[in-house]
Amino acid sequence: MGIRDWPQQTRSSQWDERVSETQTVIRYVLDGTGTVACTSNDGGEAGSGVVGPGSIVEAEGDCVLKWDVDGGGDMVILTPGFEMGGAFLFVLVGLILLSGVLITGVGTGG
């Protein structure tokens, strides 16, 4: 599976992303430009930079990524896993229920 097959999130304006002590996150910027700053939880800035299409951001340990999209536009971020677990679970349960309904309809001759 290539990077462009990763699940995507579309974001606008500013947002913060917490990284726990045992976690490593990787983000690929597919579209949009802006800046990202990595701040440790004690308030010190570990680094910052400009991001745009093709940028890869990796952070690990106890920190906060502070994203800011240029010009009020949108930024499309790709992530290597299904980190939006609630939405993924909702779709999975829906597919299972739909499959059950279809199988039941076929089994009754309908």
C-alpha atoms as a PDB file:
ATOM      1  CA  MET A   1       0.000   0.000   0.000  1.00  0.00           C
ATOM      2  CA  GLY A   2       1.460   3.364  -1.031  1.00  0.00           C
ATOM      3  CA  ILE A   3       1.219   6.684   0.776  1.00  0.00           C
ATOM      4  CA  ARG A   4      -1.563   7.928  -1.508  1.00  0.00           C
ATOM      5  CA  ASP A   5      -3.704   4.966  -0.412  1.00  0.00           C
ATOM      6  CA  TRP A   6      -3.633   6.104   3.226  1.00  0.00           C
ATOM      7  CA  PRO A   7      -6.889   7.436   4.752  1.00  0.00           C
ATOM      8  CA  GLN A   8      -7.211  11.200   4.437  1.00  0.00           C
ATOM      9  CA  GLN A   9      -8.417  14.064   6.587  1.00  0.00           C
ATOM     10  CA  THR A  10      -9.307  17.507   5.255  1.00  0.00           C
ATOM     11  CA  ARG A  11      -8.538  20.303   7.718  1.00  0.00           C
ATOM     12  CA  SER A  12      -8.844  24.065   7.632  1.00  0.00           C
ATOM     13  CA  SER A  13      -7.562  26.991   9.724  1.00  0.00           C
ATOM     14  CA  GLN A  14      -5.710  25.845  12.882  1.00  0.00           C
ATOM     15  CA  TRP A  15      -5.730  22.686  14.956  1.00  0.00           C
ATOM     16  CA  ASP A  16      -3.638  20.917  17.576  1.00  0.00           C
ATOM     17  CA  GLU A  17      -2.744  17.246  17.580  1.00  0.00           C
ATOM     18  CA  ARG A  18      -1.562  15.526  20.765  1.00  0.00           C
ATOM     19  CA  VAL A  19       1.050  12.778  20.578  1.00  0.00           C
ATOM     20  CA  SER A  20       1.258  10.514  23.621  1.00  0.00           C
ATOM     21  CA  GLU A  21       4.532   9.367  25.151  1.00  0.00           C
ATOM     22  CA  THR A  22       4.399   5.927  23.509  1.00  0.00           C
ATOM     23  CA  GLN A  23       3.010   7.068  20.161  1.00  0.00           C
ATOM     24  CA  THR A  24       4.662   7.896  16.828  1.00  0.00           C
ATOM     25  CA  VAL A  25       2.611   9.753  14.209  1.00  0.00           C
ATOM     26  CA  ILE A  26       3.373  10.245  10.529  1.00  0.00           C
ATOM     27  CA  ARG A  27       1.528  12.770   8.384  1.00  0.00           C
ATOM     28  CA  TYR A  28       1.818  13.281   4.626  1.00  0.00           C
ATOM     29  CA  VAL A  29       0.566  16.589   3.188  1.00  0.00           C
ATOM     30  CA  LEU A  30      -1.238  15.841  -0.071  1.00  0.00           C
ATOM     31  CA  ASP A  31      -2.646  19.309  -0.741  1.00  0.00           C
ATOM     32  CA  GLY A  32      -2.471  22.758   0.842  1.00  0.00           C
ATOM     33  CA  THR A  33       0.248  24.772   2.530  1.00  0.00           C
ATOM     34  CA  GLY A  34       0.902  26.022   6.024  1.00  0.00           C
ATOM     35  CA  THR A  35       3.147  25.644   9.037  1.00  0.00           C
ATOM     36  CA  VAL A  36       3.494  23.046  11.760  1.00  0.00           C
ATOM     37  CA  ALA A  37       5.227  23.482  15.116  1.00  0.00           C
ATOM     38  CA  CYS A  38       6.124  20.718  17.528  1.00  0.00           C
ATOM     39  CA  THR A  39       5.848  21.758  21.155  1.00  0.00           C
ATOM     40  CA  SER A  40       6.744  19.611  24.129  1.00  0.00           C
ATOM     41  CA  ASN A  41       4.155  19.357  26.878  1.00  0.00           C
ATOM     42  CA  ASP A  42       6.330  21.515  29.158  1.00  0.00           C
ATOM     43  CA  GLY A  43       5.892  24.392  26.681  1.00  0.00           C
ATOM     44  CA  GLY A  44       9.255  24.325  24.893  1.00  0.00           C
ATOM     45  CA  GLU A  45       9.254  24.377  21.097  1.00  0.00           C
ATOM     46  CA  ALA A  46      11.112  21.413  19.588  1.00  0.00           C
ATOM     47  CA  GLY A  47      10.892  22.667  16.006  1.00  0.00           C
ATOM     48  CA  SER A  48       8.707  24.214  13.340  1.00  0.00           C
ATOM     49  CA  GLY A  49       8.593  24.466   9.590  1.00  0.00           C
ATOM     50  CA  VAL A  50       6.650  25.203   6.449  1.00  0.00           C
ATOM     51  CA  VAL A  51       4.720  22.287   4.937  1.00  0.00           C
ATOM     52  CA  GLY A  52       3.174  21.811   1.517  1.00  0.00           C
ATOM     53  CA  PRO A  53       2.294  19.058  -0.953  1.00  0.00           C
ATOM     54  CA  GLY A  54       4.753  16.189  -0.551  1.00  0.00           C
ATOM     55  CA  SER A  55       5.848  17.094   2.988  1.00  0.00           C
ATOM     56  CA  ILE A  56       6.122  14.297   5.535  1.00  0.00           C
ATOM     57  CA  VAL A  57       5.901  15.116   9.247  1.00  0.00           C
ATOM     58  CA  GLU A  58       6.922  12.551  11.859  1.00  0.00           C
ATOM     59  CA  ALA A  59       6.637  13.123  15.602  1.00  0.00           C
ATOM     60  CA  GLU A  60       7.162  10.783  18.505  1.00  0.00           C
ATOM     61  CA  GLY A  61       6.966  11.081  22.233  1.00  0.00           C
ATOM     62  CA  ASP A  62       5.096  13.437  24.469  1.00  0.00           C
ATOM     63  CA  CYS A  63       4.383  16.534  22.324  1.00  0.00           C
ATOM     64  CA  VAL A  64       1.754  18.635  20.557  1.00  0.00           C
ATOM     65  CA  LEU A  65       1.731  19.390  16.831  1.00  0.00           C
ATOM     66  CA  LYS A  66       0.268  22.835  16.132  1.00  0.00           C
ATOM     67  CA  TRP A  67      -0.941  23.117  12.535  1.00  0.00           C
ATOM     68  CA  ASP A  68      -1.809  26.393  10.769  1.00  0.00           C
ATOM     69  CA  VAL A  69      -3.178  26.399   7.200  1.00  0.00           C
ATOM     70  CA  ASP A  70      -2.216  29.334   4.959  1.00  0.00           C
ATOM     71  CA  GLY A  71      -4.872  31.740   3.739  1.00  0.00           C
ATOM     72  CA  GLY A  72      -7.887  30.079   5.316  1.00  0.00           C
ATOM     73  CA  GLY A  73      -7.799  27.298   2.714  1.00  0.00           C
ATOM     74  CA  ASP A  74      -7.880  23.562   3.229  1.00  0.00           C
ATOM     75  CA  MET A  75      -5.095  21.076   3.811  1.00  0.00           C
ATOM     76  CA  VAL A  76      -5.443  17.395   2.945  1.00  0.00           C
ATOM     77  CA  ILE A  77      -3.462  15.209   5.351  1.00  0.00           C
ATOM     78  CA  LEU A  78      -2.891  11.492   4.806  1.00  0.00           C
ATOM     79  CA  THR A  79      -2.307   9.162   7.775  1.00  0.00           C
ATOM     80  CA  PRO A  80      -0.947   5.591   7.654  1.00  0.00           C
ATOM     81  CA  GLY A  81      -3.703   4.083   9.799  1.00  0.00           C
ATOM     82  CA  PHE A  82      -7.350   4.416  10.678  1.00  0.00           C
ATOM     83  CA  GLU A  83      -6.850   6.873  13.535  1.00  0.00           C
ATOM     84  CA  MET A  84     -10.458   8.010  13.357  1.00  0.00           C
ATOM     85  CA  GLY A  85     -11.566   4.735  14.939  1.00  0.00           C
ATOM     86  CA  GLY A  86     -15.149   5.791  15.704  1.00  0.00           C
ATOM     87  CA  ALA A  87     -15.955   6.594  12.073  1.00  0.00           C
ATOM     88  CA  PHE A  88     -14.268   3.415  10.860  1.00  0.00           C
ATOM     89  CA  LEU A  89     -16.190   1.294  13.379  1.00  0.00           C
ATOM     90  CA  PHE A  90     -19.497   2.931  12.340  1.00  0.00           C
ATOM     91  CA  VAL A  91     -18.899   2.059   8.658  1.00  0.00           C
ATOM     92  CA  LEU A  92     -17.800  -1.485   9.533  1.00  0.00           C
ATOM     93  CA  VAL A  93     -20.947  -2.155  11.615  1.00  0.00           C
ATOM     94  CA  GLY A  94     -23.097  -0.726   8.805  1.00  0.00           C
ATOM     95  CA  LEU A  95     -21.514  -3.042   6.242  1.00  0.00           C
ATOM     96  CA  ILE A  96     -22.036  -6.062   8.500  1.00  0.00           C
ATOM     97  CA  LEU A  97     -25.711  -5.171   9.026  1.00  0.00           C
ATOM     98  CA  LEU A  98     -26.249  -4.590   5.303  1.00  0.00           C
ATOM     99  CA  SER A  99     -24.633  -7.939   4.491  1.00  0.00           C
ATOM    100  CA  GLY A 100     -26.898  -9.647   7.022  1.00  0.00           C
ATOM    101  CA  VAL A 101     -30.006  -8.082   5.496  1.00  0.00           C
ATOM    102  CA  LEU A 102     -28.955  -9.106   1.982  1.00  0.00           C
ATOM    103  CA  ILE A 103     -28.166 -12.686   3.053  1.00  0.00           C
ATOM    104  CA  THR A 104     -31.471 -12.979   4.911  1.00  0.00           C
ATOM    105  CA  GLY A 105     -33.381 -11.697   1.869  1.00  0.00           C
ATOM    106  CA  VAL A 106     -31.657 -14.165  -0.433  1.00  0.00           C
ATOM    107  CA  GLY A 107     -32.208 -17.065   1.984  1.00  0.00           C
ATOM    108  CA  THR A 108     -35.981 -16.511   2.088  1.00  0.00           C
ATOM    109  CA  GLY A 109     -36.314 -16.529  -1.689  1.00  0.00           C
ATOM    110  CA  GLY A 110     -37.038 -12.772  -1.837  1.00  0.00           C
END
